[in-house]
Amino acid sequence: MTIAPIAGSSIAIQIHVAAAVLAVCLAPLIIARRRRDRMHKAMGYVWVSAMTLTALSSFWVREIRLIGDFSPIHLLSITTLAALIWAIAAIRAGNVRRHQGIMRGLAFWSLGVAGAFTLLPGRRMNAVLFGDFPELGYVAIAILVCGLAVLSIRTRQRSYQ
């Protein structure tokens, strides 16, 4: 494991990675937490900030140029920003279920699915995490998919109780 591929990247990529890593670390703590107290709210503010920074910084990450300077992943960034606004509006309106659904969807699609693609061989995060063994990215993706499935089942079961 080496941070050289990140350290040698543009400041936009460094900011993007730092914000995404923070969001990835916080998401399971927030989602799996049983109590929706001040700690949940404080972690939520940090998570929303990290997600916003991740989405905004992505517009300066232009390595896969399919449509001018942009790629389809930038559509996910726009969707993420909109979903964050919708989730905040939902909780302020007292619609907890809608808020939960949007936030879980964001964690799954914007962090889980998009994050899994960064682990593919040839990608920067694959080089950071797996170095000379890029094929381990496939193993990590399989573990990530299983983990997301377990988390999804666990949170669904809890919501029915």
N, C-alpha and C. Protein backbone atom coordinates (compact mmCIF):
# COMPACT_ATOMS: atom_id res chain seq x y z
N MET A 1 0.85 -1.17 0.00
CA MET A 1 0.00 0.00 0.00
C MET A 1 0.89 1.23 0.00
N THR A 2 0.58 2.16 -0.90
CA THR A 2 1.35 3.39 -1.01
C THR A 2 0.42 4.54 -1.39
N ILE A 3 0.71 5.73 -0.85
CA ILE A 3 -0.11 6.88 -1.22
C ILE A 3 0.51 7.65 -2.39
N ALA A 4 1.60 7.14 -2.94
CA ALA A 4 2.29 7.82 -4.04
C ALA A 4 1.36 8.18 -5.20
N PRO A 5 0.45 7.28 -5.63
CA PRO A 5 -0.43 7.66 -6.74
C PRO A 5 -1.34 8.85 -6.41
N ILE A 6 -1.66 9.04 -5.14
CA ILE A 6 -2.49 10.18 -4.73
C ILE A 6 -1.61 11.40 -4.52
N ALA A 7 -0.49 11.21 -3.84
CA ALA A 7 0.42 12.33 -3.55
C ALA A 7 0.93 12.98 -4.83
N GLY A 8 1.08 12.21 -5.89
CA GLY A 8 1.56 12.73 -7.16
C GLY A 8 0.45 13.27 -8.05
N SER A 9 -0.77 13.28 -7.55
CA SER A 9 -1.92 13.74 -8.34
C SER A 9 -2.20 15.21 -8.11
N SER A 10 -3.13 15.73 -8.88
CA SER A 10 -3.53 17.14 -8.73
C SER A 10 -4.20 17.36 -7.38
N ILE A 11 -4.24 18.60 -6.95
CA ILE A 11 -4.88 18.95 -5.68
C ILE A 11 -6.37 18.58 -5.72
N ALA A 12 -7.00 18.69 -6.88
CA ALA A 12 -8.42 18.33 -7.01
C ALA A 12 -8.62 16.86 -6.69
N ILE A 13 -7.75 16.01 -7.19
CA ILE A 13 -7.86 14.57 -6.92
C ILE A 13 -7.58 14.29 -5.45
N GLN A 14 -6.60 14.97 -4.87
CA GLN A 14 -6.30 14.77 -3.45
C GLN A 14 -7.48 15.17 -2.57
N ILE A 15 -8.11 16.29 -2.88
CA ILE A 15 -9.29 16.73 -2.13
C ILE A 15 -10.43 15.73 -2.32
N HIS A 16 -10.63 15.31 -3.55
CA HIS A 16 -11.69 14.36 -3.88
C HIS A 16 -11.51 13.06 -3.08
N VAL A 17 -10.31 12.53 -3.08
CA VAL A 17 -10.04 11.28 -2.38
C VAL A 17 -10.21 11.45 -0.87
N ALA A 18 -9.68 12.53 -0.31
CA ALA A 18 -9.80 12.75 1.14
C ALA A 18 -11.26 12.85 1.56
N ALA A 19 -12.04 13.61 0.81
CA ALA A 19 -13.47 13.77 1.15
C ALA A 19 -14.21 12.45 0.99
N ALA A 20 -13.91 11.71 -0.07
CA ALA A 20 -14.59 10.43 -0.31
C ALA A 20 -14.24 9.41 0.77
N VAL A 21 -12.98 9.36 1.17
CA VAL A 21 -12.57 8.42 2.22
C VAL A 21 -13.28 8.76 3.54
N LEU A 22 -13.38 10.04 3.87
CA LEU A 22 -14.10 10.44 5.07
C LEU A 22 -15.57 10.00 4.99
N ALA A 23 -16.20 10.24 3.85
CA ALA A 23 -17.60 9.86 3.67
C ALA A 23 -17.78 8.34 3.76
N VAL A 24 -16.87 7.59 3.17
CA VAL A 24 -16.94 6.13 3.21
C VAL A 24 -16.80 5.62 4.64
N CYS A 25 -15.91 6.23 5.41
CA CYS A 25 -15.72 5.81 6.80
C CYS A 25 -16.92 6.14 7.68
N LEU A 26 -17.53 7.29 7.45
CA LEU A 26 -18.66 7.71 8.28
C LEU A 26 -19.98 7.01 7.94
N ALA A 27 -20.19 6.70 6.67
CA ALA A 27 -21.49 6.17 6.22
C ALA A 27 -21.96 4.97 7.03
N PRO A 28 -21.16 3.92 7.20
CA PRO A 28 -21.68 2.78 7.96
C PRO A 28 -21.94 3.11 9.43
N LEU A 29 -21.14 4.01 9.99
CA LEU A 29 -21.36 4.40 11.39
C LEU A 29 -22.69 5.11 11.56
N ILE A 30 -23.02 5.96 10.60
CA ILE A 30 -24.27 6.72 10.67
C ILE A 30 -25.47 5.82 10.38
N ILE A 31 -25.37 5.02 9.34
CA ILE A 31 -26.50 4.18 8.92
C ILE A 31 -26.80 3.08 9.94
N ALA A 32 -25.76 2.46 10.47
CA ALA A 32 -25.95 1.33 11.39
C ALA A 32 -26.29 1.77 12.81
N ARG A 33 -26.11 3.02 13.12
CA ARG A 33 -26.38 3.53 14.47
C ARG A 33 -27.88 3.43 14.77
N ARG A 34 -28.21 2.85 15.90
CA ARG A 34 -29.61 2.67 16.28
C ARG A 34 -30.25 3.98 16.72
N ARG A 35 -29.54 4.76 17.48
CA ARG A 35 -30.10 6.00 18.02
C ARG A 35 -29.90 7.14 17.03
N ARG A 36 -30.90 7.92 16.86
CA ARG A 36 -30.82 9.10 16.00
C ARG A 36 -30.75 10.33 16.91
N ASP A 37 -29.60 10.51 17.54
CA ASP A 37 -29.40 11.55 18.53
C ASP A 37 -28.47 12.64 18.01
N ARG A 38 -27.92 13.43 18.93
CA ARG A 38 -27.01 14.51 18.54
C ARG A 38 -25.78 13.99 17.80
N MET A 39 -25.29 12.82 18.23
CA MET A 39 -24.11 12.24 17.57
C MET A 39 -24.44 11.92 16.11
N HIS A 40 -25.62 11.36 15.87
CA HIS A 40 -26.06 11.07 14.51
C HIS A 40 -26.11 12.36 13.69
N LYS A 41 -26.68 13.39 14.28
CA LYS A 41 -26.81 14.67 13.58
C LYS A 41 -25.44 15.28 13.29
N ALA A 42 -24.54 15.24 14.27
CA ALA A 42 -23.19 15.80 14.08
C ALA A 42 -22.43 15.04 12.99
N MET A 43 -22.49 13.70 13.06
CA MET A 43 -21.82 12.91 12.02
C MET A 43 -22.48 13.15 10.67
N GLY A 44 -23.79 13.35 10.68
CA GLY A 44 -24.51 13.63 9.44
C GLY A 44 -24.06 14.93 8.79
N TYR A 45 -23.86 15.97 9.59
CA TYR A 45 -23.36 17.24 9.05
C TYR A 45 -21.99 17.05 8.39
N VAL A 46 -21.11 16.30 9.07
CA VAL A 46 -19.78 16.05 8.51
C VAL A 46 -19.89 15.22 7.23
N TRP A 47 -20.77 14.21 7.25
CA TRP A 47 -20.94 13.35 6.08
C TRP A 47 -21.48 14.13 4.88
N VAL A 48 -22.49 14.96 5.12
CA VAL A 48 -23.05 15.78 4.03
C VAL A 48 -21.97 16.71 3.48
N SER A 49 -21.17 17.29 4.36
CA SER A 49 -20.07 18.17 3.90
C SER A 49 -19.06 17.38 3.07
N ALA A 50 -18.71 16.19 3.54
CA ALA A 50 -17.76 15.35 2.80
C ALA A 50 -18.33 14.93 1.45
N MET A 51 -19.60 14.57 1.42
CA MET A 51 -20.23 14.18 0.15
C MET A 51 -20.31 15.36 -0.81
N THR A 52 -20.62 16.54 -0.28
CA THR A 52 -20.69 17.74 -1.12
C THR A 52 -19.32 18.03 -1.71
N LEU A 53 -18.28 17.96 -0.88
CA LEU A 53 -16.92 18.21 -1.36
C LEU A 53 -16.49 17.14 -2.37
N THR A 54 -16.86 15.90 -2.12
CA THR A 54 -16.55 14.82 -3.06
C THR A 54 -17.20 15.09 -4.42
N ALA A 55 -18.47 15.42 -4.40
CA ALA A 55 -19.20 15.67 -5.65
C ALA A 55 -18.66 16.90 -6.37
N LEU A 56 -18.46 18.00 -5.65
CA LEU A 56 -17.97 19.23 -6.29
C LEU A 56 -16.56 19.06 -6.84
N SER A 57 -15.69 18.42 -6.07
CA SER A 57 -14.31 18.26 -6.53
C SER A 57 -14.22 17.35 -7.76
N SER A 58 -15.21 16.49 -7.96
CA SER A 58 -15.18 15.59 -9.11
C SER A 58 -15.20 16.34 -10.44
N PHE A 59 -15.73 17.55 -10.43
CA PHE A 59 -15.79 18.32 -11.68
C PHE A 59 -14.41 18.78 -12.15
N TRP A 60 -13.41 18.69 -11.27
CA TRP A 60 -12.04 19.02 -11.66
C TRP A 60 -11.22 17.76 -11.90
N VAL A 61 -11.85 16.60 -11.76
CA VAL A 61 -11.20 15.32 -12.07
C VAL A 61 -11.67 14.96 -13.47
N ARG A 62 -10.76 15.08 -14.42
CA ARG A 62 -11.16 14.92 -15.83
C ARG A 62 -10.27 13.93 -16.56
N GLU A 63 -10.13 12.78 -16.00
CA GLU A 63 -9.26 11.78 -16.62
C GLU A 63 -9.97 10.94 -17.67
N ILE A 64 -11.25 10.71 -17.47
CA ILE A 64 -12.04 9.95 -18.45
C ILE A 64 -12.92 10.97 -19.16
N ARG A 65 -12.50 11.39 -20.32
CA ARG A 65 -13.22 12.44 -21.06
C ARG A 65 -14.05 11.80 -22.17
N LEU A 66 -15.33 11.65 -21.92
CA LEU A 66 -16.21 11.08 -22.94
C LEU A 66 -17.07 12.13 -23.61
N ILE A 67 -17.43 13.17 -22.83
CA ILE A 67 -18.27 14.26 -23.34
C ILE A 67 -17.54 15.56 -23.02
N GLY A 68 -16.70 16.01 -23.93
CA GLY A 68 -15.87 17.18 -23.64
C GLY A 68 -14.91 16.83 -22.52
N ASP A 69 -14.91 17.65 -21.47
CA ASP A 69 -14.05 17.40 -20.31
C ASP A 69 -14.69 16.46 -19.30
N PHE A 70 -15.89 16.01 -19.57
CA PHE A 70 -16.65 15.27 -18.56
C PHE A 70 -16.92 13.83 -18.98
N SER A 71 -17.35 13.05 -17.99
CA SER A 71 -17.69 11.65 -18.22
C SER A 71 -19.05 11.38 -17.56
N PRO A 72 -19.62 10.22 -17.81
CA PRO A 72 -20.91 9.90 -17.18
C PRO A 72 -20.87 9.95 -15.65
N ILE A 73 -19.71 9.75 -15.06
CA ILE A 73 -19.62 9.80 -13.60
C ILE A 73 -19.99 11.18 -13.07
N HIS A 74 -19.81 12.21 -13.89
CA HIS A 74 -20.17 13.56 -13.46
C HIS A 74 -21.69 13.72 -13.32
N LEU A 75 -22.45 12.90 -14.04
CA LEU A 75 -23.91 12.89 -13.84
C LEU A 75 -24.24 12.41 -12.43
N LEU A 76 -23.46 11.44 -11.95
CA LEU A 76 -23.65 10.97 -10.58
C LEU A 76 -23.35 12.09 -9.58
N SER A 77 -22.38 12.92 -9.88
CA SER A 77 -22.06 14.05 -9.00
C SER A 77 -23.21 15.04 -8.93
N ILE A 78 -23.81 15.32 -10.07
CA ILE A 78 -24.97 16.23 -10.10
C ILE A 78 -26.13 15.61 -9.31
N THR A 79 -26.36 14.33 -9.54
CA THR A 79 -27.43 13.62 -8.83
C THR A 79 -27.16 13.61 -7.32
N THR A 80 -25.91 13.41 -6.95
CA THR A 80 -25.54 13.41 -5.53
C THR A 80 -25.85 14.74 -4.88
N LEU A 81 -25.47 15.83 -5.54
CA LEU A 81 -25.74 17.16 -4.98
C LEU A 81 -27.24 17.40 -4.83
N ALA A 82 -28.00 17.00 -5.83
CA ALA A 82 -29.46 17.16 -5.76
C ALA A 82 -30.05 16.30 -4.64
N ALA A 83 -29.58 15.07 -4.53
CA ALA A 83 -30.10 14.16 -3.50
C ALA A 83 -29.77 14.66 -2.10
N LEU A 84 -28.60 15.25 -1.92
CA LEU A 84 -28.26 15.82 -0.61
C LEU A 84 -29.25 16.91 -0.23
N ILE A 85 -29.58 17.75 -1.20
CA ILE A 85 -30.56 18.83 -0.95
C ILE A 85 -31.92 18.22 -0.61
N TRP A 86 -32.35 17.21 -1.36
CA TRP A 86 -33.64 16.56 -1.11
C TRP A 86 -33.67 15.91 0.28
N ALA A 87 -32.57 15.26 0.65
CA ALA A 87 -32.51 14.58 1.95
C ALA A 87 -32.58 15.57 3.10
N ILE A 88 -31.89 16.69 2.96
CA ILE A 88 -31.93 17.72 4.00
C ILE A 88 -33.33 18.32 4.08
N ALA A 89 -33.92 18.58 2.94
CA ALA A 89 -35.29 19.13 2.92
C ALA A 89 -36.26 18.14 3.56
N ALA A 90 -36.09 16.85 3.30
CA ALA A 90 -36.98 15.83 3.85
C ALA A 90 -36.91 15.79 5.37
N ILE A 91 -35.70 15.81 5.92
CA ILE A 91 -35.59 15.72 7.38
C ILE A 91 -36.07 17.01 8.05
N ARG A 92 -35.84 18.13 7.40
CA ARG A 92 -36.35 19.41 7.95
C ARG A 92 -37.87 19.45 7.94
N ALA A 93 -38.46 18.75 6.98
CA ALA A 93 -39.92 18.68 6.90
C ALA A 93 -40.48 17.58 7.81
N GLY A 94 -39.59 16.85 8.48
CA GLY A 94 -40.02 15.80 9.38
C GLY A 94 -40.28 14.46 8.71
N ASN A 95 -39.90 14.33 7.44
CA ASN A 95 -40.12 13.09 6.70
C ASN A 95 -38.89 12.19 6.85
N VAL A 96 -38.85 11.48 7.97
CA VAL A 96 -37.69 10.65 8.31
C VAL A 96 -37.49 9.52 7.31
N ARG A 97 -38.57 8.86 6.91
CA ARG A 97 -38.45 7.74 5.96
C ARG A 97 -37.84 8.18 4.64
N ARG A 98 -38.30 9.30 4.12
CA ARG A 98 -37.76 9.81 2.86
C ARG A 98 -36.27 10.15 3.03
N HIS A 99 -35.95 10.81 4.13
CA HIS A 99 -34.56 11.16 4.44
C HIS A 99 -33.68 9.90 4.48
N GLN A 100 -34.15 8.89 5.21
CA GLN A 100 -33.39 7.64 5.31
C GLN A 100 -33.20 6.99 3.95
N GLY A 101 -34.25 6.95 3.17
CA GLY A 101 -34.16 6.32 1.85
C GLY A 101 -33.18 7.02 0.94
N ILE A 102 -33.23 8.35 0.94
CA ILE A 102 -32.31 9.11 0.09
C ILE A 102 -30.87 8.91 0.55
N MET A 103 -30.65 9.00 1.85
CA MET A 103 -29.29 8.87 2.38
C MET A 103 -28.73 7.47 2.15
N ARG A 104 -29.55 6.45 2.34
CA ARG A 104 -29.08 5.09 2.07
C ARG A 104 -28.78 4.90 0.59
N GLY A 105 -29.63 5.47 -0.26
CA GLY A 105 -29.37 5.40 -1.69
C GLY A 105 -28.08 6.09 -2.07
N LEU A 106 -27.83 7.25 -1.46
CA LEU A 106 -26.57 7.96 -1.72
C LEU A 106 -25.37 7.13 -1.29
N ALA A 107 -25.46 6.54 -0.11
CA ALA A 107 -24.36 5.71 0.38
C ALA A 107 -24.11 4.54 -0.57
N PHE A 108 -25.18 3.93 -1.04
CA PHE A 108 -25.03 2.78 -1.93
C PHE A 108 -24.47 3.18 -3.29
N TRP A 109 -25.14 4.13 -3.97
CA TRP A 109 -24.76 4.48 -5.34
C TRP A 109 -23.52 5.35 -5.41
N SER A 110 -23.49 6.41 -4.63
CA SER A 110 -22.39 7.38 -4.75
C SER A 110 -21.11 6.90 -4.09
N LEU A 111 -21.22 6.11 -3.04
CA LEU A 111 -20.02 5.60 -2.39
C LEU A 111 -19.75 4.15 -2.74
N GLY A 112 -20.77 3.30 -2.61
CA GLY A 112 -20.57 1.88 -2.84
C GLY A 112 -20.28 1.53 -4.28
N VAL A 113 -21.19 1.87 -5.17
CA VAL A 113 -21.02 1.51 -6.58
C VAL A 113 -19.88 2.31 -7.22
N ALA A 114 -19.91 3.62 -7.07
CA ALA A 114 -18.84 4.44 -7.65
C ALA A 114 -17.49 4.08 -7.03
N GLY A 115 -17.49 3.83 -5.72
CA GLY A 115 -16.26 3.44 -5.05
C GLY A 115 -15.72 2.11 -5.55
N ALA A 116 -16.61 1.18 -5.84
CA ALA A 116 -16.18 -0.12 -6.36
C ALA A 116 -15.44 0.03 -7.68
N PHE A 117 -15.90 0.94 -8.53
CA PHE A 117 -15.23 1.15 -9.81
C PHE A 117 -13.80 1.67 -9.63
N THR A 118 -13.54 2.38 -8.53
CA THR A 118 -12.18 2.90 -8.32
C THR A 118 -11.21 1.78 -7.95
N LEU A 119 -11.72 0.61 -7.61
CA LEU A 119 -10.87 -0.50 -7.21
C LEU A 119 -10.46 -1.38 -8.39
N LEU A 120 -11.01 -1.11 -9.57
CA LEU A 120 -10.65 -1.90 -10.74
C LEU A 120 -9.17 -1.73 -11.09
N PRO A 121 -8.53 -2.80 -11.59
CA PRO A 121 -7.14 -2.68 -12.01
C PRO A 121 -6.96 -1.55 -13.03
N GLY A 122 -5.88 -0.81 -12.87
CA GLY A 122 -5.60 0.32 -13.75
C GLY A 122 -6.06 1.65 -13.19
N ARG A 123 -6.88 1.62 -12.15
CA ARG A 123 -7.36 2.86 -11.52
C ARG A 123 -6.42 3.26 -10.39
N ARG A 124 -6.41 4.54 -10.08
CA ARG A 124 -5.51 5.11 -9.08
C ARG A 124 -5.68 4.46 -7.69
N MET A 125 -6.91 4.31 -7.23
CA MET A 125 -7.12 3.73 -5.89
C MET A 125 -6.70 2.27 -5.84
N ASN A 126 -6.79 1.56 -6.95
CA ASN A 126 -6.30 0.20 -7.01
C ASN A 126 -4.79 0.20 -6.78
N ALA A 127 -4.08 1.13 -7.42
CA ALA A 127 -2.63 1.22 -7.25
C ALA A 127 -2.27 1.58 -5.81
N VAL A 128 -3.06 2.44 -5.19
CA VAL A 128 -2.82 2.83 -3.79
C VAL A 128 -2.97 1.62 -2.87
N LEU A 129 -4.05 0.89 -3.03
CA LEU A 129 -4.37 -0.18 -2.10
C LEU A 129 -3.68 -1.51 -2.39
N PHE A 130 -3.46 -1.81 -3.67
CA PHE A 130 -3.00 -3.15 -4.01
C PHE A 130 -1.64 -3.19 -4.70
N GLY A 131 -1.09 -2.05 -5.08
CA GLY A 131 0.26 -1.97 -5.64
C GLY A 131 0.54 -2.98 -6.73
N ASP A 132 1.42 -3.92 -6.43
CA ASP A 132 1.86 -4.91 -7.42
C ASP A 132 0.86 -6.05 -7.65
N PHE A 133 -0.26 -6.01 -6.95
CA PHE A 133 -1.27 -7.07 -7.07
C PHE A 133 -2.62 -6.47 -7.44
N PRO A 134 -2.72 -5.85 -8.62
CA PRO A 134 -3.96 -5.15 -8.99
C PRO A 134 -5.18 -6.06 -9.07
N GLU A 135 -4.98 -7.36 -9.29
CA GLU A 135 -6.11 -8.29 -9.38
C GLU A 135 -6.87 -8.38 -8.06
N LEU A 136 -6.22 -8.00 -6.95
CA LEU A 136 -6.91 -8.00 -5.66
C LEU A 136 -8.08 -7.02 -5.65
N GLY A 137 -8.09 -6.10 -6.60
CA GLY A 137 -9.22 -5.18 -6.72
C GLY A 137 -10.52 -5.92 -6.94
N TYR A 138 -10.47 -6.99 -7.72
CA TYR A 138 -11.68 -7.79 -7.96
C TYR A 138 -12.16 -8.45 -6.66
N VAL A 139 -11.22 -8.93 -5.86
CA VAL A 139 -11.56 -9.54 -4.57
C VAL A 139 -12.20 -8.49 -3.66
N ALA A 140 -11.60 -7.31 -3.63
CA ALA A 140 -12.13 -6.22 -2.79
C ALA A 140 -13.54 -5.83 -3.23
N ILE A 141 -13.77 -5.80 -4.53
CA ILE A 141 -15.11 -5.47 -5.04
C ILE A 141 -16.11 -6.53 -4.60
N ALA A 142 -15.73 -7.80 -4.67
CA ALA A 142 -16.62 -8.88 -4.24
C ALA A 142 -16.94 -8.74 -2.75
N ILE A 143 -15.94 -8.44 -1.95
CA ILE A 143 -16.16 -8.24 -0.51
C ILE A 143 -17.05 -7.04 -0.27
N LEU A 144 -16.81 -5.96 -1.01
CA LEU A 144 -17.63 -4.76 -0.87
C LEU A 144 -19.09 -5.04 -1.22
N VAL A 145 -19.31 -5.76 -2.30
CA VAL A 145 -20.68 -6.11 -2.70
C VAL A 145 -21.36 -6.94 -1.61
N CYS A 146 -20.66 -7.92 -1.07
CA CYS A 146 -21.23 -8.74 0.01
C CYS A 146 -21.52 -7.90 1.25
N GLY A 147 -20.59 -7.01 1.59
CA GLY A 147 -20.79 -6.14 2.74
C GLY A 147 -21.98 -5.22 2.57
N LEU A 148 -22.13 -4.66 1.38
CA LEU A 148 -23.28 -3.79 1.11
C LEU A 148 -24.59 -4.57 1.17
N ALA A 149 -24.56 -5.81 0.70
CA ALA A 149 -25.77 -6.65 0.76
C ALA A 149 -26.15 -6.93 2.21
N VAL A 150 -25.17 -7.28 3.03
CA VAL A 150 -25.43 -7.55 4.45
C VAL A 150 -25.96 -6.30 5.13
N LEU A 151 -25.33 -5.16 4.88
CA LEU A 151 -25.78 -3.90 5.48
C LEU A 151 -27.20 -3.56 5.04
N SER A 152 -27.49 -3.78 3.77
CA SER A 152 -28.83 -3.51 3.26
C SER A 152 -29.87 -4.39 3.93
N ILE A 153 -29.57 -5.67 4.06
CA ILE A 153 -30.49 -6.60 4.71
C ILE A 153 -30.67 -6.22 6.18
N ARG A 154 -29.57 -5.90 6.83
CA ARG A 154 -29.63 -5.56 8.26
C ARG A 154 -30.47 -4.31 8.50
N THR A 155 -30.27 -3.28 7.69
CA THR A 155 -31.02 -2.05 7.90
C THR A 155 -32.49 -2.24 7.52
N ARG A 156 -32.77 -3.06 6.54
CA ARG A 156 -34.17 -3.33 6.17
C ARG A 156 -34.88 -4.10 7.28
N GLN A 157 -34.19 -5.09 7.84
CA GLN A 157 -34.79 -5.87 8.93
C GLN A 157 -35.08 -4.96 10.12
N ARG A 158 -34.17 -4.05 10.42
CA ARG A 158 -34.36 -3.15 11.56
C ARG A 158 -35.53 -2.21 11.31
N SER A 159 -35.73 -1.79 10.06
CA SER A 159 -36.81 -0.85 9.77
C SER A 159 -38.19 -1.52 9.89
N TYR A 160 -38.24 -2.85 9.80
CA TYR A 160 -39.51 -3.56 9.94
C TYR A 160 -39.84 -3.90 11.39
N GLN A 161 -38.89 -3.70 12.29
CA GLN A 161 -39.12 -4.06 13.70
C GLN A 161 -39.84 -2.97 14.44
